[in-house]
Amino acid sequence: MSSEATPIQESRPVTSPLSTPKSPTSPESLHLPTNKLRERSPSPMRDFLIPSPLPTRRNRTFSASARASEGPVFSGVCKYFSRSKGHGFITPSDGGSDIFVHISDIEGEYVPVEGDEVTYKVCALPPKHEKVQAVEVNITHLKPGTKHETWGGQFIST
């Protein structure tokens, strides 16, 4: 045996990957343009968001808005409201179960807090129209001794 190594030669011809023609639909031929930047949504959950079934002022039908504005005015007390969540509840003055209120239905310059007296009208919630939601909510009396925030972010004490 010889101490020199002999090179091994392959029987297949070596071809460059660039010289092979590719199908226009092959994954290698599909590339994004490098000069354009794709805009991304800031939310990583954008494909998983389910549209809200609540009829806010923006997506309420004209007929539902007309029926609500023609209805009677009720009074109650704000039981809970979260500006960050965008909703809260009102306890009616005449008793009964609490009524849901969405942030888009609050009129005036102040964010309601627990204990504020409010007036409101009601709008039926789909799909069965068995439950109601407060619309056209106005704060009539601010609860004394509490800090109230304006929609602009300023605080006042009452």
Protein backbone atom coordinates (compact mmCIF):
# COMPACT_ATOMS: atom_id res chain seq x y z
CA MET A 1 0.00 0.00 0.00
CA SER A 2 1.02 3.47 -0.75
CA SER A 3 1.19 6.16 1.91
CA GLU A 4 -0.14 8.83 -0.45
CA ALA A 5 -3.87 9.55 -0.38
CA THR A 6 -5.68 9.33 -3.64
CA PRO A 7 -8.53 11.75 -4.32
CA ILE A 8 -11.99 10.22 -4.66
CA GLN A 9 -13.88 11.31 -7.72
CA GLU A 10 -17.65 11.32 -7.92
CA SER A 11 -19.44 9.79 -10.83
CA ARG A 12 -22.19 12.48 -10.81
CA PRO A 13 -21.62 15.81 -12.51
CA VAL A 14 -21.60 18.79 -10.15
CA THR A 15 -24.08 21.53 -11.16
CA SER A 16 -24.50 24.98 -9.75
CA PRO A 17 -27.86 25.61 -8.01
CA LEU A 18 -28.18 28.91 -9.89
CA SER A 19 -28.00 27.24 -13.27
CA THR A 20 -31.00 24.98 -12.68
CA PRO A 21 -34.26 26.43 -13.96
CA LYS A 22 -36.89 26.69 -11.24
CA SER A 23 -40.64 26.71 -11.41
CA PRO A 24 -42.19 30.18 -10.90
CA THR A 25 -44.17 28.80 -7.97
CA SER A 26 -41.32 27.01 -6.24
CA PRO A 27 -40.50 28.36 -2.77
CA GLU A 28 -36.99 29.33 -3.85
CA SER A 29 -38.30 31.66 -6.54
CA LEU A 30 -40.74 33.49 -4.24
CA HIS A 31 -38.90 36.33 -2.55
CA LEU A 32 -40.12 39.59 -1.09
CA PRO A 33 -38.65 42.70 -2.62
CA THR A 34 -35.71 43.78 -0.53
CA ASN A 35 -36.21 47.51 -1.12
CA LYS A 36 -39.70 47.66 0.43
CA LEU A 37 -40.36 47.48 4.15
CA ARG A 38 -43.48 45.69 5.26
CA GLU A 39 -45.61 47.52 7.80
CA ARG A 40 -46.57 45.41 10.75
CA SER A 41 -49.41 45.77 13.16
CA PRO A 42 -48.24 46.66 16.67
CA SER A 43 -50.36 43.84 18.09
CA PRO A 44 -48.96 40.31 17.96
CA MET A 45 -52.53 39.03 18.39
CA ARG A 46 -53.91 40.83 15.32
CA ASP A 47 -54.94 37.58 13.61
CA PHE A 48 -56.64 36.28 16.75
CA LEU A 49 -58.83 39.26 17.64
CA ILE A 50 -62.55 38.57 17.55
CA PRO A 51 -64.80 41.52 16.73
CA SER A 52 -66.82 42.69 19.69
CA PRO A 53 -70.53 41.87 19.52
CA LEU A 54 -71.35 44.97 21.59
CA PRO A 55 -73.09 47.68 19.58
CA THR A 56 -70.89 50.69 20.24
CA ARG A 57 -71.75 54.11 18.90
CA ARG A 58 -69.53 53.47 15.88
CA ASN A 59 -71.13 50.22 14.75
CA ARG A 60 -74.71 50.65 15.98
CA THR A 61 -77.28 50.76 13.21
CA PHE A 62 -79.14 53.96 12.50
CA SER A 63 -82.48 52.38 13.42
CA ALA A 64 -81.17 51.18 16.80
CA SER A 65 -79.78 54.67 17.50
CA ALA A 66 -83.10 56.26 16.52
CA ARG A 67 -85.10 53.92 18.78
CA ALA A 68 -82.74 54.62 21.70
CA SER A 69 -82.89 58.41 21.27
CA GLU A 70 -86.70 58.36 21.17
CA GLY A 71 -86.93 56.30 24.36
CA PRO A 72 -87.43 57.54 27.93
CA VAL A 73 -84.62 58.93 30.07
CA PHE A 74 -83.69 56.89 33.15
CA SER A 75 -81.57 57.81 36.15
CA GLY A 76 -79.07 55.79 38.11
CA VAL A 77 -75.73 55.70 39.88
CA CYS A 78 -72.43 54.64 38.38
CA LYS A 79 -71.50 51.35 40.05
CA TYR A 80 -68.18 50.82 38.26
CA PHE A 81 -66.32 52.25 35.28
CA SER A 82 -62.87 51.40 33.94
CA ARG A 83 -61.40 53.81 31.42
CA SER A 84 -58.67 51.35 30.46
CA LYS A 85 -61.17 48.56 29.77
CA GLY A 86 -63.64 50.94 28.14
CA HIS A 87 -66.79 49.92 29.96
CA GLY A 88 -68.64 49.92 33.24
CA PHE A 89 -72.02 49.41 34.89
CA ILE A 90 -74.85 51.61 36.11
CA THR A 91 -77.23 50.72 38.95
CA PRO A 92 -80.74 51.96 38.05
CA SER A 93 -82.51 54.18 40.61
CA ASP A 94 -85.69 52.14 40.38
CA GLY A 95 -83.88 48.89 41.17
CA GLY A 96 -83.29 45.99 38.86
CA SER A 97 -80.13 44.51 37.46
CA ASP A 98 -77.08 46.58 36.56
CA ILE A 99 -76.87 48.02 33.06
CA PHE A 100 -73.77 47.84 30.89
CA VAL A 101 -72.28 51.11 29.54
CA HIS A 102 -69.61 51.41 26.83
CA ILE A 103 -67.05 54.22 26.79
CA SER A 104 -68.33 55.49 23.42
CA ASP A 105 -71.77 56.22 24.89
CA ILE A 106 -70.66 58.63 27.62
CA GLU A 107 -71.39 62.29 26.98
CA GLY A 108 -69.65 65.20 28.69
CA GLU A 109 -66.12 66.01 29.74
CA TYR A 110 -65.65 63.77 32.80
CA VAL A 111 -64.90 60.07 33.16
CA PRO A 112 -67.57 58.60 35.46
CA VAL A 113 -66.48 57.21 38.83
CA GLU A 114 -68.29 55.10 41.39
CA GLY A 115 -71.11 57.07 43.00
CA ASP A 116 -71.73 59.63 40.23
CA GLU A 117 -75.41 60.21 39.45
CA VAL A 118 -76.18 59.73 35.76
CA THR A 119 -79.05 59.87 33.31
CA TYR A 120 -79.21 57.51 30.36
CA LYS A 121 -81.37 55.93 27.69
CA VAL A 122 -81.38 52.23 26.82
CA CYS A 123 -80.67 50.27 23.66
CA ALA A 124 -81.37 46.54 23.19
CA LEU A 125 -78.36 44.25 22.74
CA PRO A 126 -78.37 41.77 19.85
CA PRO A 127 -78.81 38.92 19.01
CA LYS A 128 -81.96 38.24 21.06
CA HIS A 129 -82.56 41.84 22.24
CA GLU A 130 -83.30 40.58 25.76
CA LYS A 131 -80.58 42.62 27.51
CA VAL A 132 -80.06 46.36 27.34
CA GLN A 133 -77.11 48.73 27.27
CA ALA A 134 -77.01 52.33 28.50
CA VAL A 135 -76.58 54.96 25.77
CA GLU A 136 -76.43 58.77 25.83
CA VAL A 137 -75.06 58.69 29.40
CA ASN A 138 -74.75 62.11 31.07
CA ILE A 139 -73.29 62.74 34.52
CA THR A 140 -75.79 64.90 36.42
CA HIS A 141 -74.04 65.09 39.83
CA LEU A 142 -70.40 64.35 40.55
CA LYS A 143 -69.84 62.41 43.76
CA PRO A 144 -68.47 64.86 46.35
CA GLY A 145 -65.04 64.20 47.83
CA THR A 146 -63.66 62.27 44.87
CA LYS A 147 -61.13 63.01 42.16
CA HIS A 148 -62.62 63.24 38.69
CA GLU A 149 -60.62 62.87 35.51
CA THR A 150 -61.41 64.65 32.28
CA TRP A 151 -61.09 62.81 28.97
CA GLY A 152 -57.99 64.94 28.35
CA GLY A 153 -56.28 63.47 31.43
CA GLN A 154 -56.59 66.38 33.89
CA PHE A 155 -57.78 65.74 37.44
CA ILE A 156 -60.11 67.90 39.55
CA SER A 157 -61.31 67.38 43.12
CA THR A 158 -64.97 67.80 44.02
